[in-house]
Amino acid sequence: VEEELLEQEFLERCFQEMLDEEDQDWFIPARDLPSGVGQIQQQLNGLSVNDCNTEDIVRKSSLNPEAKEFVPGVKY
């Protein structure tokens, strides 16, 4: 019986040590970021893209529709 209790205590210590390591290694924004960053994150989550008048934007665009497609790292 004493051996079982010692084994159980050992397992509990192992699990607690694993949980403590996870707490140290995991990135938890609420804990690991400064307080102002959380407010910025909430504001960014509230943003959305407005697709109001795309035809007007296309007409006013100064982009060249005949230009080659941009491929990073390729020089023309």
Protein backbone atom coordinates (compact mmCIF):
# COMPACT_ATOMS: atom_id res chain seq x y z
CA VAL A 1 0.00 0.00 0.00
CA GLU A 2 2.84 2.40 0.88
CA GLU A 3 4.52 1.67 -2.46
CA GLU A 4 1.30 2.54 -4.31
CA LEU A 5 1.04 5.83 -2.42
CA LEU A 6 4.65 6.69 -3.26
CA GLU A 7 4.04 5.83 -6.91
CA GLN A 8 0.88 7.95 -7.00
CA GLU A 9 2.72 10.89 -5.39
CA PHE A 10 5.53 10.51 -7.94
CA LEU A 11 3.06 10.54 -10.84
CA GLU A 12 1.32 13.63 -9.45
CA ARG A 13 4.67 15.44 -9.20
CA CYS A 14 5.51 14.45 -12.78
CA PHE A 15 2.18 15.75 -14.08
CA GLN A 16 2.55 19.00 -12.14
CA GLU A 17 6.06 19.46 -13.54
CA MET A 18 4.75 18.88 -17.08
CA LEU A 19 1.98 21.45 -16.54
CA ASP A 20 4.48 23.97 -15.17
CA GLU A 21 6.72 23.49 -18.23
CA GLU A 22 3.76 24.00 -20.56
CA ASP A 23 2.85 27.22 -18.75
CA GLN A 24 6.39 28.51 -19.24
CA ASP A 25 6.71 27.46 -22.90
CA TRP A 26 3.27 28.32 -24.27
CA PHE A 27 2.60 31.82 -25.54
CA ILE A 28 -0.46 33.20 -23.79
CA PRO A 29 -1.26 36.72 -25.10
CA ALA A 30 -3.17 37.81 -21.99
CA ARG A 31 -0.18 36.94 -19.85
CA ASP A 32 2.81 37.50 -22.15
CA LEU A 33 1.91 40.74 -23.96
CA PRO A 34 1.85 44.25 -22.49
CA SER A 35 -1.65 45.44 -21.57
CA GLY A 36 -1.94 47.93 -24.47
CA VAL A 37 -1.37 45.21 -27.05
CA GLY A 38 -4.57 43.45 -26.00
CA GLN A 39 -6.57 46.59 -26.75
CA ILE A 40 -4.97 46.90 -30.18
CA GLN A 41 -5.70 43.24 -30.84
CA GLN A 42 -9.38 43.76 -29.96
CA GLN A 43 -9.55 46.76 -32.30
CA LEU A 44 -7.94 44.79 -35.13
CA ASN A 45 -10.40 41.95 -34.63
CA GLY A 46 -13.22 44.44 -35.18
CA LEU A 47 -11.92 45.60 -38.56
CA SER A 48 -13.43 44.42 -41.81
CA VAL A 49 -12.86 45.01 -45.51
CA ASN A 50 -15.45 47.21 -47.15
CA ASP A 51 -16.19 46.21 -50.73
CA CYS A 52 -18.28 49.31 -51.42
CA ASN A 53 -17.43 50.65 -54.88
CA THR A 54 -14.83 48.52 -56.63
CA GLU A 55 -15.70 49.78 -60.13
CA ASP A 56 -14.85 53.35 -59.11
CA ILE A 57 -11.55 52.21 -57.61
CA VAL A 58 -10.66 50.30 -60.79
CA ARG A 59 -11.41 53.34 -62.98
CA LYS A 60 -9.19 55.60 -60.86
CA SER A 61 -6.36 53.06 -60.61
CA SER A 62 -2.95 53.95 -62.03
CA LEU A 63 -1.84 50.32 -62.27
CA ASN A 64 -0.85 48.94 -65.64
CA PRO A 65 -3.25 46.11 -66.58
CA GLU A 66 -0.73 44.89 -69.19
CA ALA A 67 2.12 44.54 -66.65
CA LYS A 68 3.69 41.15 -66.01
CA GLU A 69 2.62 39.37 -62.85
CA PHE A 70 4.97 40.03 -59.93
CA VAL A 71 6.92 36.98 -58.82
CA PRO A 72 9.14 37.48 -55.75
CA GLY A 73 12.81 36.86 -56.43
CA VAL A 74 12.47 36.97 -60.24
CA LYS A 75 14.17 39.87 -62.03
CA TYR A 76 12.83 40.99 -65.40
